[in-house]
Amino acid sequence: MWGPVELHWTVEQARLFQLWATGLHRGGHPPGKKGIRACFRDLGGIQLDPLPVLGRNHDLVVQARVSGTHPDETLDLIHRERLGFEYWDKVLCVIGIEAFRHFRAFMASGGEAWERQREVRLTREHPGAIDAVRSAVEEHGPLSSRELASLGVAQGDDRNWKSTRAANGALEVLWNRGEVSVSHRVNYRRYFDLTERVVPAEHVGGADPFTLDEFFRYLLTRRVGAVGLLPASGDAEVWAFLRDARKSGLPERLVDEERLALVRVDGIKTPFYAPAEAEEGLHAAEALPSSDEVRFIAPLDPLLWARGAVARLWDFEYVWEVYKPEAKRRFGYYVLPVLYQDRFVGRFDGRYDRRAGTLAIVAYWEEPGGLALADPKIERGMQRFLAYLGGERILLPTGEVWDRESA
């Protein structure tokens, strides 16, 4: 039986709230580094991905919300100022540093399941490798797998892993346990150090640590906050690490405790979980004017984490096809959805040539009732995107060139 906080919204209200909850309707972030700090604080975490086609995913998430940013700035700033730490949250994310003491319970329990299996294999096939790597990090850290190779630490081959050196696996095991943390990255290569030398002491946790049950309660409310509206059924990916909690009835219990709200949206069968203060959030969103700016949304933006729910709520089907064989792609390799106010109005596949300073729009697809590439709103959006890339010109599919407009 559902708890006391049950809301009934129109599709338009649900969309507006989700934009507000994911930081795409709040506005007010200053440009540049100040905006990155504020945006990361509001989001609480950003999914990481290594592909640098138009900047990496975390760069794209921030550029949709903050002006005056550029590729490679966000993660560097977060690590340099110790604003966050890298760990599992659905998948690999950089997470707000305040959350570390909560995640410590999950780390202490063994962390991610596949990594625990790796630890068992590594201990059996390369006894002593984990301890050797930990000692090397303690003595020489921060270091990466490259430095471990130079030091000759735990270099036994193991062809069952993507990595072929025991040292790489040992670093992953220690990170999964929380014994080491990512100190920084250089050209996206991770450098690890002992956690107590990376995470400020006030965020590590006190003498009374969180239990694993408390962690999953926290993780569920956090996940709901990240996406704004979490579908109660389906969309298994967005429930990563929380599938057992869903089966156990934890979401319903949190609704009963008024730590979550249940939202029913007109015309959509599946209900959604929302933050307990969702109604107040909707009122706050309704009080703000809609932006007249087109935004290009990252493939792994929190707005898109629940792809099935996006199709139902936003009438927009999106599959990131970057890992699909070319013959099986419907659209293109690195396609970004185009958002205008509360509608997805198009999508485009782009490449950026840094040396030439050219953003090539390989293809552009207008959504039904959306905005064409020739629309002035799209052109202004492309100009802002070009400034984010630091480029000089935009090459259209027709061969026409738009030069960068002066600020």
Protein backbone atom coordinates (compact mmCIF):
# COMPACT_ATOMS: atom_id res chain seq x y z
CA MET A 1 0.00 0.00 0.00
CA TRP A 2 1.37 3.39 -1.00
CA GLY A 3 2.33 5.86 1.67
CA PRO A 4 0.97 9.30 2.33
CA VAL A 5 2.86 11.41 -0.23
CA GLU A 6 1.23 10.74 -3.60
CA LEU A 7 1.17 13.41 -6.29
CA HIS A 8 -0.74 13.57 -9.56
CA TRP A 9 0.91 15.59 -12.31
CA THR A 10 0.40 16.37 -15.95
CA VAL A 11 3.12 15.40 -18.41
CA GLU A 12 4.10 19.07 -18.63
CA GLN A 13 4.48 19.33 -14.85
CA ALA A 14 6.55 16.14 -14.71
CA ARG A 15 8.88 17.34 -17.45
CA LEU A 16 9.33 20.72 -15.81
CA PHE A 17 10.10 19.16 -12.44
CA GLN A 18 12.62 16.74 -13.94
CA LEU A 19 14.39 19.58 -15.70
CA TRP A 20 14.50 21.48 -12.42
CA ALA A 21 15.70 18.44 -10.45
CA THR A 22 18.51 17.72 -12.91
CA GLY A 23 19.69 21.32 -12.97
CA LEU A 24 18.48 22.16 -16.47
CA HIS A 25 15.81 24.67 -15.42
CA ARG A 26 17.37 26.34 -12.40
CA GLY A 27 19.75 28.72 -14.12
CA GLY A 28 21.75 31.23 -12.16
CA HIS A 29 25.10 29.43 -12.27
CA PRO A 30 27.95 31.86 -12.87
CA PRO A 31 30.20 31.07 -15.84
CA GLY A 32 33.46 29.17 -15.69
CA LYS A 33 34.95 27.56 -12.60
CA LYS A 34 32.46 29.10 -10.17
CA GLY A 35 29.68 27.61 -12.24
CA ILE A 36 31.36 24.20 -12.36
CA ARG A 37 31.58 24.16 -8.56
CA ALA A 38 27.93 25.15 -8.17
CA CYS A 39 26.71 22.74 -10.84
CA PHE A 40 28.63 19.80 -9.38
CA ARG A 41 27.33 20.62 -5.91
CA ASP A 42 23.76 20.65 -7.21
CA LEU A 43 24.09 17.43 -9.22
CA GLY A 44 25.97 15.57 -6.49
CA GLY A 45 27.74 13.43 -9.07
CA ILE A 46 28.42 12.99 -12.79
CA GLN A 47 28.84 9.81 -14.81
CA LEU A 48 32.31 9.35 -16.31
CA ASP A 49 33.18 8.02 -19.74
CA PRO A 50 36.58 8.03 -21.48
CA LEU A 51 35.56 8.88 -25.06
CA PRO A 52 36.70 12.45 -25.90
CA VAL A 53 34.73 13.04 -29.11
CA LEU A 54 33.14 16.39 -28.16
CA GLY A 55 34.77 16.54 -24.79
CA ARG A 56 34.01 13.67 -22.44
CA ASN A 57 30.60 12.95 -20.97
CA HIS A 58 31.27 14.85 -17.72
CA ASP A 59 32.38 17.90 -19.72
CA LEU A 60 29.18 17.74 -21.77
CA VAL A 61 26.97 17.40 -18.69
CA VAL A 62 28.42 20.62 -17.28
CA GLN A 63 28.38 22.61 -20.56
CA ALA A 64 24.62 22.04 -20.83
CA ARG A 65 24.21 23.88 -17.52
CA VAL A 66 27.15 26.31 -17.25
CA SER A 67 28.54 28.75 -19.81
CA GLY A 68 32.23 29.50 -20.21
CA THR A 69 33.46 25.95 -19.63
CA HIS A 70 35.76 23.85 -21.81
CA PRO A 71 36.68 20.16 -22.18
CA ASP A 72 38.98 18.70 -19.51
CA GLU A 73 38.28 21.45 -16.97
CA THR A 74 35.57 19.81 -14.86
CA LEU A 75 37.25 16.64 -13.63
CA ASP A 76 40.58 18.39 -13.14
CA LEU A 77 38.94 21.04 -10.93
CA ILE A 78 36.98 18.46 -8.94
CA HIS A 79 40.11 16.48 -8.11
CA ARG A 80 42.37 19.47 -7.56
CA GLU A 81 39.99 21.06 -5.06
CA ARG A 82 38.87 17.72 -3.57
CA LEU A 83 35.25 18.44 -4.44
CA GLY A 84 34.56 14.80 -5.24
CA PHE A 85 35.85 11.24 -5.47
CA GLU A 86 35.54 8.53 -8.10
CA TYR A 87 33.50 5.43 -7.32
CA TRP A 88 30.53 3.31 -8.34
CA ASP A 89 27.13 5.05 -8.38
CA LYS A 90 25.06 3.24 -10.99
CA VAL A 91 28.32 3.00 -12.94
CA LEU A 92 31.65 4.82 -12.60
CA CYS A 93 30.96 8.40 -11.47
CA VAL A 94 32.68 11.28 -9.79
CA ILE A 95 30.67 11.85 -6.61
CA GLY A 96 30.41 14.84 -4.28
CA ILE A 97 32.98 14.50 -1.50
CA GLU A 98 30.34 14.83 1.23
CA ALA A 99 28.96 11.43 0.18
CA PHE A 100 32.19 9.55 0.85
CA ARG A 101 31.32 8.64 4.44
CA HIS A 102 28.11 7.02 3.19
CA PHE A 103 29.86 5.02 0.45
CA ARG A 104 32.45 3.81 2.95
CA ALA A 105 29.93 1.22 4.17
CA PHE A 106 29.59 -0.22 0.65
CA MET A 107 33.37 -0.24 0.20
CA ALA A 108 33.84 -2.06 3.52
CA SER A 109 31.32 -4.71 2.45
CA GLY A 110 33.45 -5.56 -0.59
CA GLY A 111 32.16 -3.01 -3.07
CA GLU A 112 31.09 -3.98 -6.58
CA ALA A 113 30.40 -7.70 -7.10
CA TRP A 114 32.52 -8.24 -10.22
CA GLU A 115 35.49 -6.58 -8.55
CA ARG A 116 35.10 -8.95 -5.58
CA GLN A 117 35.36 -11.87 -8.01
CA ARG A 118 38.48 -10.30 -9.47
CA GLU A 119 39.94 -10.08 -5.96
CA VAL A 120 39.35 -13.80 -5.40
CA ARG A 121 41.04 -14.73 -8.70
CA LEU A 122 43.92 -12.35 -8.12
CA THR A 123 44.56 -13.68 -4.62
CA ARG A 124 44.54 -17.24 -5.92
CA GLU A 125 46.64 -16.72 -9.06
CA HIS A 126 48.99 -13.95 -7.87
CA PRO A 127 49.32 -14.26 -4.08
CA GLY A 128 50.90 -11.19 -2.54
CA ALA A 129 50.14 -8.89 -5.50
CA ILE A 130 47.54 -6.81 -3.65
CA ASP A 131 49.77 -6.26 -0.62
CA ALA A 132 52.73 -5.44 -2.86
CA VAL A 133 50.77 -2.81 -4.76
CA ARG A 134 49.39 -1.30 -1.57
CA SER A 135 52.92 -1.01 -0.15
CA ALA A 136 54.11 0.63 -3.39
CA VAL A 137 51.28 3.18 -3.26
CA GLU A 138 52.02 3.90 0.39
CA GLU A 139 55.70 4.49 -0.39
CA HIS A 140 55.55 6.15 -3.80
CA GLY A 141 51.98 7.40 -4.31
CA PRO A 142 50.21 8.88 -6.03
CA LEU A 143 50.98 6.54 -8.91
CA SER A 144 49.37 4.79 -11.85
CA SER A 145 49.81 1.37 -13.40
CA ARG A 146 52.58 2.87 -15.53
CA GLU A 147 54.69 3.68 -12.45
CA LEU A 148 54.01 0.22 -11.02
CA ALA A 149 55.40 -1.25 -14.23
CA SER A 150 58.51 0.93 -13.93
CA LEU A 151 58.94 -0.25 -10.33
CA GLY A 152 58.45 -3.87 -11.37
CA VAL A 153 55.62 -4.36 -8.87
CA ALA A 154 53.13 -7.23 -9.46
CA GLN A 155 53.75 -7.54 -13.19
CA GLY A 156 52.54 -11.14 -13.66
CA ASP A 157 50.40 -11.70 -16.75
CA ASP A 158 46.73 -12.62 -16.48
CA ARG A 159 44.89 -12.84 -19.79
CA ASN A 160 41.46 -13.21 -18.18
CA TRP A 161 41.29 -9.45 -17.60
CA LYS A 162 41.25 -6.51 -19.94
CA SER A 163 44.50 -5.57 -18.24
CA THR A 164 47.37 -8.02 -18.66
CA ARG A 165 49.22 -7.15 -15.47
CA ALA A 166 48.40 -8.20 -11.94
CA ALA A 167 49.29 -4.71 -10.72
CA ASN A 168 46.42 -3.17 -12.66
CA GLY A 169 43.98 -5.62 -11.14
CA ALA A 170 45.37 -5.02 -7.66
CA LEU A 171 44.88 -1.27 -8.02
CA GLU A 172 41.25 -1.87 -8.99
CA VAL A 173 40.74 -4.19 -6.03
CA LEU A 174 42.19 -1.70 -3.57
CA TRP A 175 40.11 1.10 -5.07
CA ASN A 176 36.95 -0.99 -4.94
CA ARG A 177 37.65 -1.67 -1.23
CA GLY A 178 38.19 2.03 -0.60
CA GLU A 179 41.79 1.57 0.55
CA VAL A 180 43.10 3.75 -2.29
CA SER A 181 41.35 6.57 -4.13
CA VAL A 182 41.88 8.41 -7.39
CA SER A 183 44.08 11.37 -6.58
CA HIS A 184 43.98 12.94 -10.05
CA ARG A 185 44.14 12.10 -13.73
CA VAL A 186 46.67 12.92 -16.44
CA ASN A 187 45.32 12.53 -19.99
CA TYR A 188 42.52 10.59 -18.30
CA ARG A 189 45.00 8.10 -16.78
CA ARG A 190 44.15 7.53 -13.12
CA TYR A 191 46.69 8.14 -10.36
CA PHE A 192 45.97 6.44 -7.04
CA ASP A 193 47.01 7.24 -3.49
CA LEU A 194 46.03 6.02 -0.05
CA THR A 195 42.49 7.18 0.69
CA GLU A 196 43.54 8.99 3.85
CA ARG A 197 45.87 11.11 1.69
CA VAL A 198 43.17 11.91 -0.86
CA VAL A 199 39.86 12.32 0.97
CA PRO A 200 39.81 15.08 3.63
CA ALA A 201 39.51 13.57 7.11
CA GLU A 202 36.18 15.25 7.85
CA HIS A 203 34.56 13.27 5.01
CA VAL A 204 35.97 9.85 5.79
CA GLY A 205 33.52 9.13 8.63
CA GLY A 206 33.61 9.09 12.40
CA ALA A 207 33.68 6.37 15.00
CA ASP A 208 30.06 5.41 14.26
CA PRO A 209 30.09 4.42 10.54
CA PHE A 210 26.99 3.87 8.47
CA THR A 211 25.65 0.33 8.17
CA LEU A 212 25.12 -1.29 4.77
CA ASP A 213 21.34 -1.03 5.22
CA GLU A 214 21.67 2.70 5.92
CA PHE A 215 23.84 3.03 2.84
CA PHE A 216 21.22 1.52 0.53
CA ARG A 217 18.52 3.76 1.99
CA TYR A 218 20.81 6.70 1.34
CA LEU A 219 21.72 5.45 -2.16
CA LEU A 220 18.07 5.11 -3.18
CA THR A 221 17.15 8.63 -2.07
CA ARG A 222 20.31 9.87 -3.78
CA ARG A 223 19.47 8.11 -7.04
CA VAL A 224 15.94 9.52 -6.99
CA GLY A 225 17.38 12.99 -6.41
CA ALA A 226 19.83 12.55 -9.30
CA VAL A 227 17.17 11.78 -11.92
CA GLY A 228 14.26 13.65 -10.34
CA LEU A 229 11.74 10.98 -11.37
CA LEU A 230 12.77 7.34 -10.97
CA PRO A 231 10.41 4.86 -12.68
CA ALA A 232 9.02 2.31 -10.22
CA SER A 233 9.34 -0.53 -12.75
CA GLY A 234 11.50 -1.26 -15.78
CA ASP A 235 14.67 0.68 -16.66
CA ALA A 236 16.94 -1.80 -14.90
CA GLU A 237 20.09 0.19 -15.68
CA VAL A 238 19.06 3.20 -13.60
CA TRP A 239 18.42 0.81 -10.68
CA ALA A 240 22.01 -0.50 -10.71
CA PHE A 241 23.15 -1.51 -7.20
CA LEU A 242 19.54 -1.05 -6.07
CA ARG A 243 17.73 -3.94 -7.74
CA ASP A 244 17.66 -6.04 -4.57
CA ALA A 245 16.48 -2.99 -2.64
CA ARG A 246 13.64 -2.55 -5.13
CA LYS A 247 12.62 -6.20 -4.79
CA SER A 248 12.72 -5.94 -1.00
CA GLY A 249 10.12 -3.15 -0.94
CA LEU A 250 12.53 -0.45 0.24
CA PRO A 251 11.08 2.22 -2.11
CA GLU A 252 7.58 1.67 -0.73
CA ARG A 253 8.87 1.85 2.83
CA LEU A 254 10.61 5.14 2.11
CA VAL A 255 7.37 6.51 0.67
CA ASP A 256 5.56 5.40 3.85
CA GLU A 257 8.24 7.18 5.88
CA GLU A 258 7.79 10.29 3.72
CA ARG A 259 11.42 10.19 2.63
CA LEU A 260 10.22 9.75 -0.96
CA ALA A 261 7.08 10.81 -2.81
CA LEU A 262 5.12 8.79 -5.34
CA VAL A 263 4.18 10.63 -8.54
CA ARG A 264 1.53 9.48 -10.99
CA VAL A 265 1.66 11.17 -14.38
CA ASP A 266 -1.36 11.50 -16.66
CA GLY A 267 -1.38 8.86 -19.38
CA ILE A 268 1.65 6.94 -18.03
CA LYS A 269 0.97 3.63 -16.32
CA THR A 270 4.25 3.34 -14.43
CA PRO A 271 4.43 5.60 -11.35
CA PHE A 272 7.62 7.43 -10.41
CA TYR A 273 9.52 7.93 -7.18
CA ALA A 274 10.49 11.54 -6.50
CA PRO A 275 12.21 13.40 -3.66
CA ALA A 276 9.98 13.99 -0.66
CA GLU A 277 9.99 17.74 -1.39
CA ALA A 278 8.94 17.25 -5.02
CA GLU A 279 5.81 19.38 -4.76
CA GLU A 280 7.83 22.33 -3.43
CA GLY A 281 10.35 21.74 -6.20
CA LEU A 282 7.64 21.88 -8.83
CA HIS A 283 6.36 25.18 -7.42
CA ALA A 284 9.91 26.56 -7.51
CA ALA A 285 10.30 25.43 -11.12
CA GLU A 286 6.99 27.00 -12.13
CA ALA A 287 8.12 30.33 -10.69
CA LEU A 288 11.18 30.45 -12.98
CA PRO A 289 11.02 31.68 -16.58
CA SER A 290 11.80 29.15 -19.30
CA SER A 291 15.16 29.54 -20.97
CA ASP A 292 15.29 30.54 -24.63
CA GLU A 293 18.57 28.68 -25.09
CA VAL A 294 19.00 25.41 -26.93
CA ARG A 295 20.98 22.88 -24.89
CA PHE A 296 22.98 19.91 -26.15
CA ILE A 297 22.56 17.02 -23.73
CA ALA A 298 25.34 14.55 -22.90
CA PRO A 299 24.71 10.91 -23.88
CA LEU A 300 24.97 9.88 -20.21
CA ASP A 301 23.29 12.91 -18.67
CA PRO A 302 21.18 12.07 -15.58
CA LEU A 303 18.13 13.30 -17.50
CA LEU A 304 18.65 10.29 -19.83
CA TRP A 305 19.56 7.62 -17.28
CA ALA A 306 16.10 5.99 -17.46
CA ARG A 307 15.77 5.60 -21.24
CA GLY A 308 12.42 3.81 -21.14
CA ALA A 309 10.91 6.51 -18.93
CA VAL A 310 12.33 9.20 -21.24
CA ALA A 311 10.52 7.58 -24.17
CA ARG A 312 7.21 7.60 -22.27
CA LEU A 313 7.48 10.96 -20.54
CA TRP A 314 9.32 12.95 -23.18
CA ASP A 315 8.15 11.11 -26.30
CA PHE A 316 11.81 10.78 -27.25
CA GLU A 317 13.59 7.50 -27.92
CA TYR A 318 17.33 7.72 -27.47
CA VAL A 319 19.96 5.00 -27.67
CA TRP A 320 23.63 5.89 -27.44
CA GLU A 321 24.97 4.01 -30.44
CA VAL A 322 28.67 4.64 -29.96
CA TYR A 323 29.39 0.99 -29.11
CA LYS A 324 27.16 -0.43 -31.83
CA PRO A 325 28.59 -1.67 -35.15
CA GLU A 326 28.15 1.02 -37.79
CA ALA A 327 25.70 -1.09 -39.80
CA LYS A 328 23.38 -1.34 -36.79
CA ARG A 329 23.26 2.37 -35.97
CA ARG A 330 20.00 4.17 -36.60
CA PHE A 331 21.50 7.65 -36.28
CA GLY A 332 25.24 8.00 -35.68
CA TYR A 333 28.36 7.40 -33.63
CA TYR A 334 28.24 10.20 -31.03
CA VAL A 335 24.77 11.72 -31.20
CA LEU A 336 23.70 14.45 -28.77
CA PRO A 337 20.01 15.14 -28.07
CA VAL A 338 18.95 18.76 -28.56
CA LEU A 339 16.72 20.19 -25.81
CA TYR A 340 14.68 23.36 -26.06
CA GLN A 341 12.57 24.30 -23.04
CA ASP A 342 10.57 21.13 -22.25
CA ARG A 343 10.98 19.36 -25.61
CA PHE A 344 13.63 17.38 -27.40
CA VAL A 345 13.68 19.17 -30.75
CA GLY A 346 16.47 17.35 -32.57
CA ARG A 347 19.70 15.39 -32.36
CA PHE A 348 23.05 15.73 -34.07
CA ASP A 349 26.16 13.68 -34.71
CA GLY A 350 29.32 15.77 -34.45
CA ARG A 351 33.10 15.57 -34.60
CA TYR A 352 35.62 18.14 -33.47
CA ASP A 353 38.99 18.64 -35.13
CA ARG A 354 41.03 20.40 -32.46
CA ARG A 355 43.94 21.25 -34.76
CA ALA A 356 41.69 22.85 -37.36
CA GLY A 357 39.34 24.32 -34.76
CA THR A 358 36.41 22.90 -36.72
CA LEU A 359 33.20 21.41 -35.37
CA ALA A 360 31.77 19.20 -38.12
CA ILE A 361 28.05 18.50 -37.91
CA VAL A 362 28.06 15.10 -39.57
CA ALA A 363 24.26 14.91 -39.51
CA TYR A 364 21.31 16.65 -37.92
CA TRP A 365 17.85 15.17 -37.39
CA GLU A 366 14.87 17.35 -36.57
CA GLU A 367 12.32 15.76 -34.23
CA PRO A 368 8.61 15.94 -35.18
CA GLY A 369 7.52 19.46 -34.34
CA GLY A 370 11.11 20.30 -33.42
CA LEU A 371 13.64 22.82 -34.69
CA ALA A 372 15.49 22.60 -37.99
CA LEU A 373 19.24 23.09 -38.24
CA ALA A 374 18.60 26.41 -39.99
CA ASP A 375 16.53 27.73 -37.09
CA PRO A 376 18.26 30.75 -35.47
CA LYS A 377 17.89 29.13 -32.02
CA ILE A 378 19.89 26.09 -33.19
CA GLU A 379 22.53 28.28 -34.79
CA ARG A 380 22.94 30.26 -31.56
CA GLY A 381 23.21 26.99 -29.65
CA MET A 382 25.86 25.73 -32.05
CA GLN A 383 27.81 28.94 -31.59
CA ARG A 384 27.79 28.48 -27.81
CA PHE A 385 28.86 24.88 -28.26
CA LEU A 386 31.70 25.96 -30.54
CA ALA A 387 32.88 28.41 -27.85
CA TYR A 388 32.82 25.56 -25.32
CA LEU A 389 35.06 23.51 -27.65
CA GLY A 390 37.32 26.51 -28.24
CA GLY A 391 36.81 26.20 -31.99
CA GLU A 392 36.74 28.69 -34.85
CA ARG A 393 34.16 27.38 -37.32
CA ILE A 394 31.23 25.02 -37.81
CA LEU A 395 31.10 22.79 -40.90
CA LEU A 396 27.52 21.95 -41.87
CA PRO A 397 26.46 18.73 -43.65
CA THR A 398 25.89 20.81 -46.80
CA GLY A 399 29.50 22.00 -46.82
CA GLU A 400 28.50 25.50 -45.70
CA VAL A 401 30.65 27.04 -42.97
CA TRP A 402 29.57 29.16 -40.02
CA ASP A 403 32.49 31.14 -38.62
CA ARG A 404 32.67 31.69 -34.90
CA GLU A 405 30.84 34.81 -33.83
CA SER A 406 32.75 37.31 -31.76
CA ALA A 407 31.66 37.52 -28.13
